[in-house]
PDB file of all heavy atoms in Angstrom:
ATOM      1  N   ALA A   1    -101.269  56.183  88.305  1.00  0.00           N
ATOM      2  CA  ALA A   1    -102.154  56.975  87.452  1.00  0.00           C
ATOM      3  C   ALA A   1    -103.363  57.477  88.236  1.00  0.00           C
ATOM      4  O   ALA A   1    -103.771  58.635  88.096  1.00  0.00           O
ATOM      5  CB  ALA A   1    -102.600  56.146  86.248  1.00  0.00           C
ATOM      6  N   VAL A   2    -103.935  56.631  89.063  1.00  0.00           N
ATOM      7  CA  VAL A   2    -105.074  57.039  89.891  1.00  0.00           C
ATOM      8  C   VAL A   2    -104.641  58.051  90.944  1.00  0.00           C
ATOM      9  O   VAL A   2    -105.345  59.037  91.205  1.00  0.00           O
ATOM     10  CB  VAL A   2    -105.727  55.808  90.551  1.00  0.00           C
ATOM     11  CG1 VAL A   2    -106.735  56.226  91.626  1.00  0.00           C
ATOM     12  CG2 VAL A   2    -106.407  54.946  89.498  1.00  0.00           C
ATOM     13  N   LYS A   3    -103.481  57.832  91.533  1.00  0.00           N
ATOM     14  CA  LYS A   3    -102.964  58.770  92.530  1.00  0.00           C
ATOM     15  C   LYS A   3    -102.801  60.165  91.928  1.00  0.00           C
ATOM     16  O   LYS A   3    -103.111  61.182  92.568  1.00  0.00           O
ATOM     17  CB  LYS A   3    -101.623  58.266  93.060  1.00  0.00           C
ATOM     18  CG  LYS A   3    -101.027  59.111  94.176  1.00  0.00           C
ATOM     19  CD  LYS A   3     -99.734  58.496  94.689  1.00  0.00           C
ATOM     20  CE  LYS A   3     -99.112  59.355  95.782  1.00  0.00           C
ATOM     21  NZ  LYS A   3     -97.841  58.760  96.282  1.00  0.00           N
ATOM     22  N   ASP A   4    -102.339  60.221  90.684  1.00  0.00           N
ATOM     23  CA  ASP A   4    -102.091  61.507  90.035  1.00  0.00           C
ATOM     24  C   ASP A   4    -103.348  62.139  89.444  1.00  0.00           C
ATOM     25  O   ASP A   4    -103.450  63.369  89.363  1.00  0.00           O
ATOM     26  CB  ASP A   4    -101.075  61.334  88.892  1.00  0.00           C
ATOM     27  CG  ASP A   4     -99.674  60.990  89.379  1.00  0.00           C
ATOM     28  OD1 ASP A   4     -99.389  61.152  90.573  1.00  0.00           O
ATOM     29  OD2 ASP A   4     -98.869  60.538  88.531  1.00  0.00           O
ATOM     30  N   ASN A   5    -104.300  61.316  88.990  1.00  0.00           N
ATOM     31  CA  ASN A   5    -105.399  61.819  88.158  1.00  0.00           C
ATOM     32  C   ASN A   5    -106.784  61.520  88.709  1.00  0.00           C
ATOM     33  O   ASN A   5    -107.779  61.919  88.089  1.00  0.00           O
ATOM     34  CB  ASN A   5    -105.304  61.205  86.751  1.00  0.00           C
ATOM     35  CG  ASN A   5    -103.972  61.465  86.088  1.00  0.00           C
ATOM     36  OD1 ASN A   5    -103.741  62.518  85.517  1.00  0.00           O
ATOM     37  ND2 ASN A   5    -103.059  60.484  86.168  1.00  0.00           N
ATOM     38  N   GLY A   6    -106.865  60.820  89.846  1.00  0.00           N
ATOM     39  CA  GLY A   6    -108.161  60.385  90.327  1.00  0.00           C
ATOM     40  C   GLY A   6    -108.625  59.154  89.568  1.00  0.00           C
ATOM     41  O   GLY A   6    -107.930  58.640  88.693  1.00  0.00           O
ATOM     42  N   SER A   7    -109.834  58.687  89.874  1.00  0.00           N
ATOM     43  CA  SER A   7    -110.329  57.444  89.272  1.00  0.00           C
ATOM     44  C   SER A   7    -111.349  57.692  88.176  1.00  0.00           C
ATOM     45  O   SER A   7    -112.128  56.803  87.819  1.00  0.00           O
ATOM     46  CB  SER A   7    -110.935  56.542  90.349  1.00  0.00           C
ATOM     47  OG  SER A   7    -111.994  57.223  91.020  1.00  0.00           O
ATOM     48  N   SER A   8    -111.365  58.913  87.635  1.00  0.00           N
ATOM     49  CA  SER A   8    -112.259  59.250  86.540  1.00  0.00           C
ATOM     50  C   SER A   8    -111.473  60.017  85.473  1.00  0.00           C
ATOM     51  O   SER A   8    -111.088  61.168  85.684  1.00  0.00           O
ATOM     52  CB  SER A   8    -113.432  60.100  87.042  1.00  0.00           C
ATOM     53  OG  SER A   8    -114.257  60.497  85.969  1.00  0.00           O
ATOM     54  N   PHE A   9    -111.208  59.352  84.352  1.00  0.00           N
ATOM     55  CA  PHE A   9    -110.503  60.023  83.255  1.00  0.00           C
ATOM     56  C   PHE A   9    -110.691  59.229  81.967  1.00  0.00           C
ATOM     57  O   PHE A   9    -111.070  58.054  81.989  1.00  0.00           O
ATOM     58  CB  PHE A   9    -109.006  60.193  83.558  1.00  0.00           C
ATOM     59  CG  PHE A   9    -108.275  58.940  83.959  1.00  0.00           C
ATOM     60  CD1 PHE A   9    -107.849  58.015  83.008  1.00  0.00           C
ATOM     61  CD2 PHE A   9    -107.989  58.686  85.302  1.00  0.00           C
ATOM     62  CE1 PHE A   9    -107.157  56.862  83.376  1.00  0.00           C
ATOM     63  CE2 PHE A   9    -107.301  57.543  85.682  1.00  0.00           C
ATOM     64  CZ  PHE A   9    -106.872  56.633  84.727  1.00  0.00           C
ATOM     65  N   GLN A  10    -110.456  59.917  80.854  1.00  0.00           N
ATOM     66  CA  GLN A  10    -110.459  59.256  79.557  1.00  0.00           C
ATOM     67  C   GLN A  10    -109.033  58.833  79.224  1.00  0.00           C
ATOM     68  O   GLN A  10    -108.095  59.608  79.414  1.00  0.00           O
ATOM     69  CB  GLN A  10    -111.022  60.185  78.485  1.00  0.00           C
ATOM     70  CG  GLN A  10    -112.500  60.482  78.682  1.00  0.00           C
ATOM     71  CD  GLN A  10    -113.124  61.179  77.500  1.00  0.00           C
ATOM     72  OE1 GLN A  10    -112.531  61.266  76.414  1.00  0.00           O
ATOM     73  NE2 GLN A  10    -114.339  61.679  77.681  1.00  0.00           N
ATOM     74  N   ALA A  11    -108.907  57.603  78.740  1.00  0.00           N
ATOM     75  CA  ALA A  11    -107.578  57.017  78.576  1.00  0.00           C
ATOM     76  C   ALA A  11    -107.334  56.518  77.167  1.00  0.00           C
ATOM     77  O   ALA A  11    -108.245  56.070  76.465  1.00  0.00           O
ATOM     78  CB  ALA A  11    -107.391  55.857  79.560  1.00  0.00           C
ATOM     79  N   GLY A  12    -106.085  56.597  76.770  1.00  0.00           N
ATOM     80  CA  GLY A  12    -105.589  55.883  75.608  1.00  0.00           C
ATOM     81  C   GLY A  12    -104.809  54.685  76.100  1.00  0.00           C
ATOM     82  O   GLY A  12    -104.264  54.692  77.220  1.00  0.00           O
ATOM     83  N   TYR A  13    -104.751  53.647  75.283  1.00  0.00           N
ATOM     84  CA  TYR A  13    -104.114  52.401  75.716  1.00  0.00           C
ATOM     85  C   TYR A  13    -103.326  51.804  74.560  1.00  0.00           C
ATOM     86  O   TYR A  13    -103.862  51.587  73.465  1.00  0.00           O
ATOM     87  CB  TYR A  13    -105.191  51.427  76.191  1.00  0.00           C
ATOM     88  CG  TYR A  13    -104.701  50.057  76.603  1.00  0.00           C
ATOM     89  CD1 TYR A  13    -103.568  49.900  77.416  1.00  0.00           C
ATOM     90  CD2 TYR A  13    -105.375  48.913  76.200  1.00  0.00           C
ATOM     91  CE1 TYR A  13    -103.144  48.642  77.803  1.00  0.00           C
ATOM     92  CE2 TYR A  13    -104.959  47.649  76.584  1.00  0.00           C
ATOM     93  CZ  TYR A  13    -103.835  47.520  77.387  1.00  0.00           C
ATOM     94  OH  TYR A  13    -103.411  46.268  77.774  1.00  0.00           O
ATOM     95  N   ALA A  14    -102.044  51.544  74.792  1.00  0.00           N
ATOM     96  CA  ALA A  14    -101.182  50.932  73.783  1.00  0.00           C
ATOM     97  C   ALA A  14    -101.025  49.447  74.091  1.00  0.00           C
ATOM     98  O   ALA A  14    -100.575  49.080  75.185  1.00  0.00           O
ATOM     99  CB  ALA A  14     -99.820  51.620  73.772  1.00  0.00           C
ATOM    100  N   TYR A  15    -101.389  48.612  73.130  1.00  0.00           N
ATOM    101  CA  TYR A  15    -101.376  47.165  73.380  1.00  0.00           C
ATOM    102  C   TYR A  15    -101.360  46.406  72.060  1.00  0.00           C
ATOM    103  O   TYR A  15    -102.019  46.791  71.093  1.00  0.00           O
ATOM    104  CB  TYR A  15    -102.623  46.775  74.183  1.00  0.00           C
ATOM    105  CG  TYR A  15    -102.869  45.293  74.326  1.00  0.00           C
ATOM    106  CD1 TYR A  15    -101.921  44.458  74.916  1.00  0.00           C
ATOM    107  CD2 TYR A  15    -104.059  44.730  73.891  1.00  0.00           C
ATOM    108  CE1 TYR A  15    -102.163  43.100  75.068  1.00  0.00           C
ATOM    109  CE2 TYR A  15    -104.313  43.368  74.030  1.00  0.00           C
ATOM    110  CZ  TYR A  15    -103.358  42.561  74.613  1.00  0.00           C
ATOM    111  OH  TYR A  15    -103.594  41.217  74.757  1.00  0.00           O
ATOM    112  N   VAL A  16    -100.593  45.313  72.036  1.00  0.00           N
ATOM    113  CA  VAL A  16    -100.613  44.362  70.933  1.00  0.00           C
ATOM    114  C   VAL A  16    -100.759  42.974  71.530  1.00  0.00           C
ATOM    115  O   VAL A  16     -99.965  42.574  72.389  1.00  0.00           O
ATOM    116  CB  VAL A  16     -99.320  44.444  70.085  1.00  0.00           C
ATOM    117  CG1 VAL A  16     -99.301  43.344  69.029  1.00  0.00           C
ATOM    118  CG2 VAL A  16     -99.195  45.809  69.431  1.00  0.00           C
ATOM    119  N   ALA A  17    -101.777  42.249  71.126  1.00  0.00           N
ATOM    120  CA  ALA A  17    -102.022  40.908  71.669  1.00  0.00           C
ATOM    121  C   ALA A  17    -101.028  39.899  71.114  1.00  0.00           C
ATOM    122  O   ALA A  17    -100.435  40.093  70.047  1.00  0.00           O
ATOM    123  CB  ALA A  17    -103.448  40.474  71.333  1.00  0.00           C
ATOM    124  N   GLY A  18    -100.841  38.804  71.849  1.00  0.00           N
ATOM    125  CA  GLY A  18    -100.030  37.695  71.372  1.00  0.00           C
ATOM    126  C   GLY A  18     -98.650  37.607  71.984  1.00  0.00           C
ATOM    127  O   GLY A  18     -97.933  36.635  71.757  1.00  0.00           O
ATOM    128  N   PHE A  19     -98.267  38.620  72.770  1.00  0.00           N
ATOM    129  CA  PHE A  19     -96.986  38.609  73.472  1.00  0.00           C
ATOM    130  C   PHE A  19     -97.258  38.407  74.958  1.00  0.00           C
ATOM    131  O   PHE A  19     -97.993  39.191  75.566  1.00  0.00           O
ATOM    132  CB  PHE A  19     -96.216  39.914  73.234  1.00  0.00           C
ATOM    133  CG  PHE A  19     -95.824  40.122  71.802  1.00  0.00           C
ATOM    134  CD1 PHE A  19     -96.664  40.806  70.928  1.00  0.00           C
ATOM    135  CD2 PHE A  19     -94.628  39.613  71.314  1.00  0.00           C
ATOM    136  CE1 PHE A  19     -96.311  40.988  69.595  1.00  0.00           C
ATOM    137  CE2 PHE A  19     -94.261  39.790  69.989  1.00  0.00           C
ATOM    138  CZ  PHE A  19     -95.105  40.475  69.127  1.00  0.00           C
ATOM    139  N   ALA A  20     -96.677  37.368  75.532  1.00  0.00           N
ATOM    140  CA  ALA A  20     -97.021  36.984  76.904  1.00  0.00           C
ATOM    141  C   ALA A  20     -96.957  38.138  77.895  1.00  0.00           C
ATOM    142  O   ALA A  20     -97.900  38.335  78.679  1.00  0.00           O
ATOM    143  CB  ALA A  20     -96.134  35.824  77.363  1.00  0.00           C
ATOM    144  N   PRO A  21     -95.879  38.934  77.927  1.00  0.00           N
ATOM    145  CA  PRO A  21     -95.840  40.008  78.916  1.00  0.00           C
ATOM    146  C   PRO A  21     -96.925  41.056  78.695  1.00  0.00           C
ATOM    147  O   PRO A  21     -97.525  41.545  79.659  1.00  0.00           O
ATOM    148  CB  PRO A  21     -94.443  40.613  78.753  1.00  0.00           C
ATOM    149  CG  PRO A  21     -94.005  40.200  77.393  1.00  0.00           C
ATOM    150  CD  PRO A  21     -94.632  38.869  77.146  1.00  0.00           C
ATOM    151  N   LEU A  22     -97.198  41.391  77.433  1.00  0.00           N
ATOM    152  CA  LEU A  22     -98.248  42.372  77.151  1.00  0.00           C
ATOM    153  C   LEU A  22     -99.621  41.800  77.472  1.00  0.00           C
ATOM    154  O   LEU A  22    -100.504  42.513  77.972  1.00  0.00           O
ATOM    155  CB  LEU A  22     -98.182  42.815  75.696  1.00  0.00           C
ATOM    156  CG  LEU A  22     -96.957  43.627  75.296  1.00  0.00           C
ATOM    157  CD1 LEU A  22     -97.028  44.011  73.820  1.00  0.00           C
ATOM    158  CD2 LEU A  22     -96.814  44.879  76.153  1.00  0.00           C
ATOM    159  N   ASP A  23     -99.817  40.519  77.217  1.00  0.00           N
ATOM    160  CA  ASP A  23    -101.101  39.896  77.533  1.00  0.00           C
ATOM    161  C   ASP A  23    -101.342  39.874  79.047  1.00  0.00           C
ATOM    162  O   ASP A  23    -102.467  40.113  79.512  1.00  0.00           O
ATOM    163  CB  ASP A  23    -101.163  38.480  76.974  1.00  0.00           C
ATOM    164  CG  ASP A  23    -101.233  38.451  75.447  1.00  0.00           C
ATOM    165  OD1 ASP A  23    -101.570  39.494  74.849  1.00  0.00           O
ATOM    166  OD2 ASP A  23    -100.928  37.396  74.864  1.00  0.00           O
ATOM    167  N   ARG A  24    -100.282  39.600  79.819  1.00  0.00           N
ATOM    168  CA  ARG A  24    -100.447  39.621  81.278  1.00  0.00           C
ATOM    169  C   ARG A  24    -100.729  41.039  81.773  1.00  0.00           C
ATOM    170  O   ARG A  24    -101.563  41.248  82.656  1.00  0.00           O
ATOM    171  CB  ARG A  24     -99.198  39.050  81.954  1.00  0.00           C
ATOM    172  CG  ARG A  24     -99.029  37.541  81.776  1.00  0.00           C
ATOM    173  CD  ARG A  24     -97.941  36.988  82.658  1.00  0.00           C
ATOM    174  NE  ARG A  24     -96.623  37.414  82.262  1.00  0.00           N
ATOM    175  CZ  ARG A  24     -95.790  36.697  81.505  1.00  0.00           C
ATOM    176  NH1 ARG A  24     -96.174  35.516  81.030  1.00  0.00           N
ATOM    177  NH2 ARG A  24     -94.584  37.147  81.196  1.00  0.00           N
ATOM    178  N   ARG A  25    -100.044  42.022  81.215  1.00  0.00           N
ATOM    179  CA  ARG A  25    -100.282  43.412  81.603  1.00  0.00           C
ATOM    180  C   ARG A  25    -101.701  43.830  81.190  1.00  0.00           C
ATOM    181  O   ARG A  25    -102.356  44.597  81.898  1.00  0.00           O
ATOM    182  CB  ARG A  25     -99.219  44.321  80.970  1.00  0.00           C
ATOM    183  CG  ARG A  25     -97.827  44.003  81.493  1.00  0.00           C
ATOM    184  CD  ARG A  25     -96.700  44.700  80.727  1.00  0.00           C
ATOM    185  NE  ARG A  25     -95.422  44.069  81.053  1.00  0.00           N
ATOM    186  CZ  ARG A  25     -94.237  44.509  80.640  1.00  0.00           C
ATOM    187  NH1 ARG A  25     -94.163  45.596  79.891  1.00  0.00           N
ATOM    188  NH2 ARG A  25     -93.129  43.871  80.988  1.00  0.00           N
ATOM    189  N   ASN A  26    -102.164  43.309  80.074  1.00  0.00           N
ATOM    190  CA  ASN A  26    -103.521  43.611  79.631  1.00  0.00           C
ATOM    191  C   ASN A  26    -104.558  43.052  80.602  1.00  0.00           C
ATOM    192  O   ASN A  26    -105.611  43.677  80.831  1.00  0.00           O
ATOM    193  CB  ASN A  26    -103.755  43.040  78.232  1.00  0.00           C
ATOM    194  CG  ASN A  26    -105.136  43.345  77.710  1.00  0.00           C
ATOM    195  OD1 ASN A  26    -105.514  44.502  77.526  1.00  0.00           O
ATOM    196  ND2 ASN A  26    -105.929  42.300  77.497  1.00  0.00           N
ATOM    197  N   GLU A  27    -104.307  41.894  81.169  1.00  0.00           N
ATOM    198  CA  GLU A  27    -105.233  41.331  82.156  1.00  0.00           C
ATOM    199  C   GLU A  27    -105.419  42.303  83.323  1.00  0.00           C
ATOM    200  O   GLU A  27    -106.539  42.511  83.813  1.00  0.00           O
ATOM    201  CB  GLU A  27    -104.713  39.984  82.662  1.00  0.00           C
ATOM    202  CG  GLU A  27    -104.794  38.870  81.625  1.00  0.00           C
ATOM    203  CD  GLU A  27    -104.017  37.627  82.037  1.00  0.00           C
ATOM    204  OE1 GLU A  27    -103.436  37.631  83.150  1.00  0.00           O
ATOM    205  OE2 GLU A  27    -103.992  36.663  81.261  1.00  0.00           O
ATOM    206  N   THR A  28    -104.314  42.907  83.766  1.00  0.00           N
ATOM    207  CA  THR A  28    -104.399  43.879  84.859  1.00  0.00           C
ATOM    208  C   THR A  28    -105.163  45.121  84.417  1.00  0.00           C
ATOM    209  O   THR A  28    -105.947  45.690  85.192  1.00  0.00           O
ATOM    210  CB  THR A  28    -102.989  44.250  85.343  1.00  0.00           C
ATOM    211  OG1 THR A  28    -102.340  43.067  85.813  1.00  0.00           O
ATOM    212  CG2 THR A  28    -103.037  45.269  86.472  1.00  0.00           C
ATOM    213  N   TRP A  29    -104.946  45.568  83.198  1.00  0.00           N
ATOM    214  CA  TRP A  29    -105.671  46.723  82.670  1.00  0.00           C
ATOM    215  C   TRP A  29    -107.175  46.458  82.626  1.00  0.00           C
ATOM    216  O   TRP A  29    -107.977  47.306  83.032  1.00  0.00           O
ATOM    217  CB  TRP A  29    -105.148  47.062  81.274  1.00  0.00           C
ATOM    218  CG  TRP A  29    -105.921  48.088  80.501  1.00  0.00           C
ATOM    219  CD1 TRP A  29    -106.567  47.898  79.313  1.00  0.00           C
ATOM    220  CD2 TRP A  29    -106.110  49.479  80.824  1.00  0.00           C
ATOM    221  NE1 TRP A  29    -107.147  49.067  78.884  1.00  0.00           N
ATOM    222  CE2 TRP A  29    -106.870  50.053  79.791  1.00  0.00           C
ATOM    223  CE3 TRP A  29    -105.701  50.277  81.887  1.00  0.00           C
ATOM    224  CZ2 TRP A  29    -107.249  51.396  79.782  1.00  0.00           C
ATOM    225  CZ3 TRP A  29    -106.068  51.617  81.876  1.00  0.00           C
ATOM    226  CH2 TRP A  29    -106.830  52.166  80.847  1.00  0.00           C
TER     227      TRP A  29
END
């Protein structure tokens, strides 16, 4: 995403807490 858009942009984020894989991906986000 940074390679394509640079490091300055407005973002939307899809996430639901309570699921281990999504929670781990959220930590990276």
